[in-house]
């Protein structure tokens, strides 16, 4: 192999060609590739941030739903307990009122029964006196020394 000027010119041409290709073709392509890689990385980072925000929003929404459900259940339980307490209070009041009314009615009817017995005793004595006056001696008065006979007659 011989080294002559052609070899030297070819080597210098190749070096100049490589420098020109690097300046004209490879550097711009490298910059385009770097810009594209930066664009992809930025979009990837943004998408990761958006995914994280979405997950946080979903978790927050689920927490709020859980809290809302819990509050709703608590509210329903409180209102149910309140309604049951009111029901018990009203029922107790109604029972007490019914018992008082029943006691009052029993007392009223007991007194009415006693009054009716007294009136009836007097009517029996008057009737006996009238019968005695018609069939027996009109001057004799019937005396009731014991109420046992009248009570025995009034048993029905």
N, C-alpha and C. Protein backbone atom coordinates (compact mmCIF):
# COMPACT_ATOMS: atom_id res chain seq x y z
N UNK A 1 0.79 -1.14 0.00
CA UNK A 1 0.00 0.00 0.00
C UNK A 1 0.87 1.25 0.00
N UNK A 2 0.46 2.12 -0.79
CA UNK A 2 1.22 3.34 -0.93
C UNK A 2 0.44 4.50 -0.37
N UNK A 3 1.22 5.38 0.23
CA UNK A 3 0.59 6.61 0.72
C UNK A 3 0.97 7.71 -0.23
N UNK A 4 0.05 8.29 -0.84
CA UNK A 4 0.31 9.41 -1.73
C UNK A 4 -0.68 10.52 -1.43
N UNK A 5 -0.69 11.50 -2.24
CA UNK A 5 -1.52 12.69 -2.01
C UNK A 5 -2.99 12.36 -2.13
N UNK A 6 -3.35 11.39 -2.89
CA UNK A 6 -4.75 11.01 -3.04
C UNK A 6 -5.29 10.50 -1.71
N UNK A 7 -4.46 9.76 -1.08
CA UNK A 7 -4.89 9.24 0.22
C UNK A 7 -5.11 10.38 1.20
N UNK A 8 -4.17 11.30 1.18
CA UNK A 8 -4.26 12.46 2.06
C UNK A 8 -5.49 13.31 1.71
N UNK A 9 -5.77 13.56 0.48
CA UNK A 9 -6.92 14.35 0.04
C UNK A 9 -8.20 13.60 0.40
N UNK A 10 -8.20 12.32 0.22
CA UNK A 10 -9.39 11.52 0.56
C UNK A 10 -9.63 11.57 2.06
N UNK A 11 -8.60 11.51 2.85
CA UNK A 11 -8.74 11.54 4.31
C UNK A 11 -9.24 12.90 4.74
N UNK A 12 -8.67 13.98 4.16
CA UNK A 12 -9.12 15.33 4.52
C UNK A 12 -10.57 15.52 4.04
N UNK A 13 -10.92 15.04 2.86
CA UNK A 13 -12.29 15.15 2.36
C UNK A 13 -13.26 14.42 3.30
N UNK A 14 -12.86 13.27 3.76
CA UNK A 14 -13.72 12.50 4.66
C UNK A 14 -13.94 13.23 5.97
N UNK A 15 -12.88 13.82 6.50
CA UNK A 15 -12.98 14.56 7.77
C UNK A 15 -13.88 15.78 7.58
N UNK A 16 -13.69 16.52 6.48
CA UNK A 16 -14.53 17.69 6.20
C UNK A 16 -15.98 17.23 5.99
N UNK A 17 -16.16 16.14 5.26
CA UNK A 17 -17.51 15.61 5.05
C UNK A 17 -18.16 15.22 6.38
N UNK A 18 -17.41 14.57 7.24
CA UNK A 18 -17.94 14.16 8.55
C UNK A 18 -18.30 15.38 9.39
N UNK A 19 -17.46 16.44 9.36
CA UNK A 19 -17.75 17.66 10.12
C UNK A 19 -18.99 18.33 9.54
N UNK A 20 -19.08 18.45 8.22
CA UNK A 20 -20.25 19.06 7.58
C UNK A 20 -21.53 18.24 7.86
N UNK A 21 -21.43 16.96 7.76
CA UNK A 21 -22.58 16.09 8.03
C UNK A 21 -23.02 16.23 9.49
N UNK A 22 -22.05 16.34 10.36
CA UNK A 22 -22.34 16.53 11.77
C UNK A 22 -23.06 17.86 11.98
N UNK A 23 -22.58 18.92 11.33
CA UNK A 23 -23.18 20.25 11.47
C UNK A 23 -24.54 20.34 10.78
N UNK A 24 -24.62 19.78 9.59
CA UNK A 24 -25.82 19.95 8.78
C UNK A 24 -26.89 18.90 9.12
N UNK A 25 -26.53 17.69 9.38
CA UNK A 25 -27.52 16.63 9.51
C UNK A 25 -27.63 16.08 10.93
N UNK A 26 -26.57 15.66 11.51
CA UNK A 26 -26.63 14.96 12.79
C UNK A 26 -27.00 15.88 13.96
N UNK A 27 -26.42 17.07 14.05
CA UNK A 27 -26.72 18.00 15.15
C UNK A 27 -28.20 18.40 15.12
N UNK A 28 -28.76 18.83 13.96
CA UNK A 28 -30.19 19.16 13.97
C UNK A 28 -31.08 17.95 14.31
N UNK A 29 -30.70 16.78 13.79
CA UNK A 29 -31.47 15.58 14.10
C UNK A 29 -31.37 15.25 15.59
N UNK A 30 -30.18 15.43 16.14
CA UNK A 30 -29.98 15.17 17.56
C UNK A 30 -30.82 16.15 18.40
N UNK A 31 -30.86 17.42 17.97
CA UNK A 31 -31.67 18.41 18.68
C UNK A 31 -33.16 18.09 18.57
N UNK A 32 -33.59 17.65 17.38
CA UNK A 32 -34.99 17.26 17.19
C UNK A 32 -35.32 16.07 18.09
N UNK A 33 -34.40 15.09 18.14
CA UNK A 33 -34.61 13.92 18.99
C UNK A 33 -34.65 14.33 20.45
N UNK A 34 -33.75 15.24 20.87
CA UNK A 34 -33.73 15.72 22.26
C UNK A 34 -35.02 16.48 22.60
N UNK A 35 -35.46 17.36 21.66
CA UNK A 35 -36.71 18.09 21.88
C UNK A 35 -37.88 17.12 22.00
N UNK A 36 -37.90 16.14 21.10
CA UNK A 36 -38.98 15.15 21.14
C UNK A 36 -38.93 14.36 22.44
N UNK A 37 -37.75 13.98 22.87
CA UNK A 37 -37.60 13.23 24.13
C UNK A 37 -38.05 14.09 25.31
N UNK A 38 -37.68 15.39 25.29
CA UNK A 38 -38.10 16.31 26.34
C UNK A 38 -39.62 16.45 26.33
N UNK A 39 -40.19 16.60 25.12
CA UNK A 39 -41.64 16.70 24.99
C UNK A 39 -42.32 15.45 25.55
N UNK A 40 -41.84 14.28 25.21
CA UNK A 40 -42.39 13.02 25.70
C UNK A 40 -42.27 12.93 27.22
N UNK A 41 -41.08 13.28 27.74
CA UNK A 41 -40.86 13.23 29.19
C UNK A 41 -41.78 14.21 29.93
N UNK A 42 -41.92 15.43 29.38
CA UNK A 42 -42.81 16.42 30.01
C UNK A 42 -44.26 15.93 30.01
N UNK A 43 -44.70 15.40 28.88
CA UNK A 43 -46.06 14.87 28.81
C UNK A 43 -46.26 13.67 29.74
N UNK A 44 -45.24 12.85 29.84
CA UNK A 44 -45.30 11.70 30.74
C UNK A 44 -45.42 12.19 32.19
N UNK A 45 -44.60 13.18 32.54
CA UNK A 45 -44.65 13.74 33.90
C UNK A 45 -46.01 14.37 34.17
N UNK A 46 -46.53 15.13 33.18
CA UNK A 46 -47.85 15.73 33.34
C UNK A 46 -48.93 14.66 33.51
N UNK A 47 -48.82 13.60 32.71
CA UNK A 47 -49.82 12.54 32.81
C UNK A 47 -49.72 11.84 34.17
N UNK A 48 -48.51 11.66 34.66
CA UNK A 48 -48.35 11.05 35.99
C UNK A 48 -48.95 11.96 37.08
N UNK A 49 -48.72 13.27 36.93
CA UNK A 49 -49.31 14.22 37.90
C UNK A 49 -50.83 14.17 37.82
N UNK A 50 -51.36 14.12 36.59
CA UNK A 50 -52.81 14.05 36.43
C UNK A 50 -53.38 12.75 36.99
N UNK A 51 -52.65 11.67 36.78
CA UNK A 51 -53.08 10.38 37.34
C UNK A 51 -53.10 10.45 38.87
N UNK A 52 -52.03 11.05 39.44
CA UNK A 52 -51.98 11.20 40.90
C UNK A 52 -53.11 12.09 41.40
N UNK A 53 -53.38 13.20 40.68
CA UNK A 53 -54.50 14.07 41.06
C UNK A 53 -55.82 13.32 40.97
N UNK A 54 -55.98 12.53 39.89
CA UNK A 54 -57.22 11.76 39.71
C UNK A 54 -57.40 10.76 40.84
N UNK A 55 -56.30 10.08 41.20
CA UNK A 55 -56.38 9.12 42.30
C UNK A 55 -56.73 9.83 43.61
N UNK A 56 -56.13 11.01 43.83
CA UNK A 56 -56.44 11.78 45.04
C UNK A 56 -57.89 12.22 45.04
N UNK A 57 -58.39 12.68 43.88
CA UNK A 57 -59.80 13.09 43.80
C UNK A 57 -60.74 11.91 44.03
N UNK A 58 -60.40 10.76 43.45
CA UNK A 58 -61.22 9.57 43.63
C UNK A 58 -61.22 9.14 45.10
N UNK A 59 -60.04 9.17 45.72
CA UNK A 59 -59.94 8.81 47.14
C UNK A 59 -60.73 9.79 47.98
N UNK A 60 -60.62 11.10 47.66
CA UNK A 60 -61.35 12.13 48.40
C UNK A 60 -62.86 11.92 48.23
N UNK A 61 -63.28 11.64 47.03
CA UNK A 61 -64.71 11.40 46.76
C UNK A 61 -65.19 10.17 47.52
N UNK A 62 -64.41 9.11 47.51
CA UNK A 62 -64.79 7.90 48.24
C UNK A 62 -64.86 8.17 49.74
N UNK A 63 -63.89 8.96 50.25
CA UNK A 63 -63.92 9.32 51.67
C UNK A 63 -65.16 10.15 52.00
N UNK A 64 -65.47 11.10 51.12
CA UNK A 64 -66.67 11.92 51.34
C UNK A 64 -67.94 11.07 51.28
N UNK A 65 -67.99 10.13 50.32
CA UNK A 65 -69.15 9.24 50.23
C UNK A 65 -69.27 8.37 51.48
N UNK A 66 -68.14 7.86 51.93
CA UNK A 66 -68.15 7.04 53.14
C UNK A 66 -68.61 7.86 54.34
N UNK A 67 -68.09 9.08 54.46
CA UNK A 67 -68.50 9.95 55.56
C UNK A 67 -69.98 10.31 55.44
N UNK A 68 -70.43 10.59 54.22
CA UNK A 68 -71.83 10.94 54.02
C UNK A 68 -72.73 9.75 54.39
N UNK A 69 -72.33 8.55 53.98
CA UNK A 69 -73.11 7.37 54.32
C UNK A 69 -73.14 7.17 55.83
N UNK A 70 -71.98 7.34 56.46
CA UNK A 70 -71.90 7.19 57.91
C UNK A 70 -72.77 8.22 58.61
N UNK A 71 -72.71 9.47 58.15
CA UNK A 71 -73.53 10.53 58.75
C UNK A 71 -75.01 10.24 58.52
N UNK A 72 -75.34 9.74 57.33
CA UNK A 72 -76.75 9.42 57.04
C UNK A 72 -77.25 8.31 57.96
N UNK A 73 -76.43 7.28 58.15
CA UNK A 73 -76.81 6.19 59.03
C UNK A 73 -76.95 6.70 60.46
N UNK A 74 -76.00 7.54 60.91
CA UNK A 74 -76.08 8.11 62.25
C UNK A 74 -77.33 8.97 62.39
N UNK A 75 -77.60 9.78 61.39
CA UNK A 75 -78.79 10.64 61.43
C UNK A 75 -80.06 9.80 61.48
N UNK A 76 -80.12 8.78 60.67
CA UNK A 76 -81.29 7.89 60.68
C UNK A 76 -81.44 7.22 62.03
N UNK A 77 -80.32 6.75 62.59
CA UNK A 77 -80.38 6.11 63.90
C UNK A 77 -80.83 7.08 64.98
N UNK A 78 -80.30 8.32 64.95
CA UNK A 78 -80.71 9.32 65.94
C UNK A 78 -82.20 9.62 65.81
N UNK A 79 -82.65 9.81 64.57
CA UNK A 79 -84.07 10.13 64.36
C UNK A 79 -84.96 8.95 64.74
N UNK A 80 -84.50 7.74 64.46
CA UNK A 80 -85.26 6.55 64.85
C UNK A 80 -85.35 6.45 66.37
N UNK A 81 -84.22 6.69 67.05
CA UNK A 81 -84.21 6.67 68.51
C UNK A 81 -85.13 7.75 69.07
N UNK A 82 -85.07 8.94 68.48
CA UNK A 82 -85.94 10.03 68.93
C UNK A 82 -87.40 9.67 68.71
N UNK A 83 -87.71 9.11 67.55
CA UNK A 83 -89.09 8.72 67.26
C UNK A 83 -89.56 7.63 68.22
N UNK A 84 -88.68 6.67 68.51
CA UNK A 84 -89.03 5.61 69.46
C UNK A 84 -89.26 6.19 70.85
N UNK A 85 -88.41 7.14 71.25
CA UNK A 85 -88.57 7.77 72.56
C UNK A 85 -89.90 8.53 72.61
N UNK A 86 -90.21 9.27 71.54
CA UNK A 86 -91.48 9.98 71.50
C UNK A 86 -92.65 9.01 71.51
N UNK A 87 -92.52 7.93 70.78
CA UNK A 87 -93.57 6.91 70.75
C UNK A 87 -93.78 6.33 72.15
N UNK A 88 -92.66 6.01 72.82
CA UNK A 88 -92.76 5.47 74.18
C UNK A 88 -93.38 6.48 75.13
N UNK A 89 -92.99 7.75 74.99
CA UNK A 89 -93.53 8.79 75.84
C UNK A 89 -95.04 8.96 75.60
N UNK A 90 -95.43 8.99 74.34
CA UNK A 90 -96.85 9.13 74.01
C UNK A 90 -97.64 7.91 74.48
N UNK A 91 -97.07 6.73 74.27
CA UNK A 91 -97.73 5.50 74.70
C UNK A 91 -97.89 5.47 76.21
N UNK A 92 -96.82 5.84 76.91
CA UNK A 92 -96.88 5.86 78.37
C UNK A 92 -97.92 6.87 78.84
N UNK A 93 -97.93 8.05 78.22
CA UNK A 93 -98.91 9.06 78.57
C UNK A 93 -100.33 8.58 78.31
N UNK A 94 -100.52 7.94 77.16
CA UNK A 94 -101.85 7.44 76.82
C UNK A 94 -102.28 6.33 77.78
N UNK A 95 -101.36 5.44 78.15
CA UNK A 95 -101.68 4.38 79.11
C UNK A 95 -102.05 4.98 80.46
N UNK A 96 -101.26 5.97 80.90
CA UNK A 96 -101.53 6.60 82.18
C UNK A 96 -102.88 7.31 82.15
N UNK A 97 -103.16 7.99 81.04
CA UNK A 97 -104.45 8.68 80.91
C UNK A 97 -105.60 7.67 80.90
N UNK A 98 -105.39 6.55 80.22
CA UNK A 98 -106.42 5.51 80.19
C UNK A 98 -106.64 4.93 81.58
N UNK A 99 -105.54 4.69 82.31
CA UNK A 99 -105.66 4.17 83.68
C UNK A 99 -106.38 5.17 84.58
N UNK A 100 -106.02 6.45 84.44
CA UNK A 100 -106.69 7.48 85.24
C UNK A 100 -108.17 7.54 84.90
N UNK A 101 -108.49 7.49 83.61
CA UNK A 101 -109.89 7.52 83.17
C UNK A 101 -110.63 6.29 83.69
N UNK A 102 -109.97 5.13 83.62
CA UNK A 102 -110.58 3.90 84.11
C UNK A 102 -110.83 3.98 85.61
N UNK A 103 -109.86 4.48 86.35
CA UNK A 103 -110.00 4.65 87.80
C UNK A 103 -111.14 5.62 88.11
N UNK A 104 -111.17 6.72 87.36
CA UNK A 104 -112.23 7.71 87.55
C UNK A 104 -113.59 7.11 87.24
N UNK A 105 -113.67 6.36 86.15
CA UNK A 105 -114.94 5.71 85.78
C UNK A 105 -115.36 4.68 86.82
N UNK A 106 -114.41 3.89 87.31
CA UNK A 106 -114.73 2.90 88.35
C UNK A 106 -115.25 3.59 89.60
N UNK A 107 -114.56 4.66 89.97
CA UNK A 107 -114.99 5.41 91.16
C UNK A 107 -116.38 6.00 90.95
N UNK A 108 -116.58 6.56 89.75
CA UNK A 108 -117.90 7.16 89.44
C UNK A 108 -118.99 6.08 89.50
N UNK A 109 -118.75 4.95 88.87
CA UNK A 109 -119.77 3.91 88.84
C UNK A 109 -119.95 3.26 90.21
N UNK A 110 -118.87 3.19 90.98
CA UNK A 110 -118.99 2.67 92.34
C UNK A 110 -119.87 3.60 93.17
N UNK A 111 -119.62 4.91 93.07
CA UNK A 111 -120.45 5.87 93.79
C UNK A 111 -121.88 5.84 93.28
N UNK A 112 -122.06 5.74 91.98
CA UNK A 112 -123.40 5.68 91.40
C UNK A 112 -124.12 4.42 91.87
N UNK A 113 -123.37 3.33 91.97
CA UNK A 113 -123.94 2.06 92.44
C UNK A 113 -124.41 2.21 93.88
N UNK A 114 -123.55 2.83 94.71
CA UNK A 114 -123.91 3.04 96.11
C UNK A 114 -125.14 3.94 96.22
N UNK A 115 -125.14 5.03 95.44
CA UNK A 115 -126.28 5.94 95.46
C UNK A 115 -127.55 5.21 95.01
N UNK A 116 -127.44 4.41 93.97
CA UNK A 116 -128.60 3.67 93.47
C UNK A 116 -129.09 2.68 94.52
N UNK A 117 -128.16 2.03 95.23
CA UNK A 117 -128.56 1.08 96.28
C UNK A 117 -129.31 1.81 97.38
N UNK A 118 -128.81 2.98 97.77
CA UNK A 118 -129.48 3.74 98.84
C UNK A 118 -130.88 4.15 98.40
N UNK A 119 -130.99 4.65 97.15
CA UNK A 119 -132.31 5.04 96.64
C UNK A 119 -133.21 3.83 96.56
N UNK A 120 -132.65 2.72 96.11
CA UNK A 120 -133.44 1.50 95.99
C UNK A 120 -133.88 0.98 97.36
N UNK A 121 -133.02 1.08 98.36
CA UNK A 121 -133.39 0.66 99.71
C UNK A 121 -134.57 1.48 100.20
N UNK A 122 -134.48 2.80 99.97
CA UNK A 122 -135.58 3.67 100.38
C UNK A 122 -136.87 3.30 99.63
N UNK A 123 -136.73 3.00 98.34
CA UNK A 123 -137.90 2.61 97.56
C UNK A 123 -138.49 1.30 98.06
N UNK A 124 -137.64 0.35 98.45
CA UNK A 124 -138.10 -0.94 98.98
C UNK A 124 -138.84 -0.70 100.30
N UNK A 125 -138.24 0.14 101.15
CA UNK A 125 -138.89 0.44 102.43
C UNK A 125 -140.24 1.16 102.21
N UNK A 126 -140.28 2.09 101.28
CA UNK A 126 -141.53 2.79 100.98
C UNK A 126 -142.57 1.83 100.41
N UNK A 127 -142.12 0.96 99.53
CA UNK A 127 -143.03 -0.03 98.94
C UNK A 127 -143.55 -0.98 100.02
N UNK A 128 -142.67 -1.41 100.89
CA UNK A 128 -143.08 -2.30 101.99
C UNK A 128 -144.08 -1.58 102.91
N UNK A 129 -143.84 -0.29 103.16
CA UNK A 129 -144.74 0.50 104.01
C UNK A 129 -146.10 0.64 103.33
N UNK A 130 -146.10 0.88 102.02
CA UNK A 130 -147.36 1.01 101.28
C UNK A 130 -148.14 -0.31 101.31
N UNK A 131 -147.44 -1.41 101.11
CA UNK A 131 -148.10 -2.73 101.16
C UNK A 131 -148.64 -2.98 102.56
N UNK A 132 -147.84 -2.65 103.55
CA UNK A 132 -148.26 -2.83 104.94
C UNK A 132 -149.47 -1.98 105.26
N UNK A 133 -149.48 -0.76 104.76
CA UNK A 133 -150.61 0.14 105.02
C UNK A 133 -151.89 -0.39 104.37
N UNK A 134 -151.81 -1.02 103.24
CA UNK A 134 -152.98 -1.50 102.53
C UNK A 134 -153.50 -2.80 103.13
N UNK A 135 -152.62 -3.68 103.50
CA UNK A 135 -153.08 -5.00 103.94
C UNK A 135 -153.07 -5.16 105.45
N UNK A 136 -152.29 -4.41 106.12
CA UNK A 136 -152.20 -4.54 107.56
C UNK A 136 -152.70 -3.28 108.22
N UNK A 137 -152.18 -3.01 109.29
CA UNK A 137 -152.56 -1.84 110.07
C UNK A 137 -151.85 -0.63 109.50
N UNK A 138 -152.58 0.41 109.26
CA UNK A 138 -152.03 1.60 108.63
C UNK A 138 -151.21 2.42 109.59
N UNK A 139 -151.39 2.19 110.88
CA UNK A 139 -150.67 3.01 111.85
C UNK A 139 -149.27 2.47 112.13
N UNK A 140 -149.04 1.27 111.81
CA UNK A 140 -147.74 0.70 112.14
C UNK A 140 -146.69 1.09 111.11
N UNK A 141 -145.57 1.46 111.64
CA UNK A 141 -144.44 1.83 110.78
C UNK A 141 -143.47 0.65 110.68
N UNK A 142 -142.96 0.43 109.50
CA UNK A 142 -141.97 -0.64 109.31
C UNK A 142 -140.61 -0.07 109.67
N UNK A 143 -139.97 -0.78 110.56
CA UNK A 143 -138.64 -0.35 110.95
C UNK A 143 -137.65 -1.36 110.39
N UNK A 144 -136.61 -0.82 109.85
CA UNK A 144 -135.56 -1.68 109.28
C UNK A 144 -134.36 -1.59 110.20
N UNK A 145 -134.27 -2.56 111.09
CA UNK A 145 -133.16 -2.54 112.02
C UNK A 145 -131.88 -3.09 111.38
N UNK A 146 -132.04 -3.87 110.38
CA UNK A 146 -130.87 -4.44 109.72
C UNK A 146 -131.05 -4.31 108.20
N UNK A 147 -129.99 -3.92 107.56
CA UNK A 147 -130.03 -3.80 106.09
C UNK A 147 -129.80 -5.14 105.41
N UNK A 148 -129.59 -6.19 106.21
CA UNK A 148 -129.27 -7.50 105.63
C UNK A 148 -130.44 -8.05 104.81
N UNK A 149 -131.63 -7.86 105.31
CA UNK A 149 -132.81 -8.38 104.59
C UNK A 149 -132.98 -7.67 103.27
N UNK A 150 -132.83 -6.36 103.28
CA UNK A 150 -132.96 -5.58 102.03
C UNK A 150 -131.82 -5.94 101.07
N UNK A 151 -130.63 -6.08 101.59
CA UNK A 151 -129.50 -6.46 100.72
C UNK A 151 -129.72 -7.84 100.11
N UNK A 152 -130.32 -8.75 100.90
CA UNK A 152 -130.58 -10.08 100.39
C UNK A 152 -131.63 -10.02 99.29
N UNK A 153 -132.62 -9.16 99.46
CA UNK A 153 -133.66 -9.03 98.45
C UNK A 153 -133.15 -8.35 97.19
N UNK A 154 -132.18 -7.47 97.33
CA UNK A 154 -131.67 -6.71 96.18
C UNK A 154 -130.62 -7.49 95.38
N UNK A 155 -130.17 -8.61 95.86
CA UNK A 155 -129.19 -9.41 95.10
C UNK A 155 -129.87 -9.95 93.85
N UNK A 156 -129.30 -9.62 92.76
CA UNK A 156 -129.89 -10.07 91.51
C UNK A 156 -128.81 -10.58 90.62
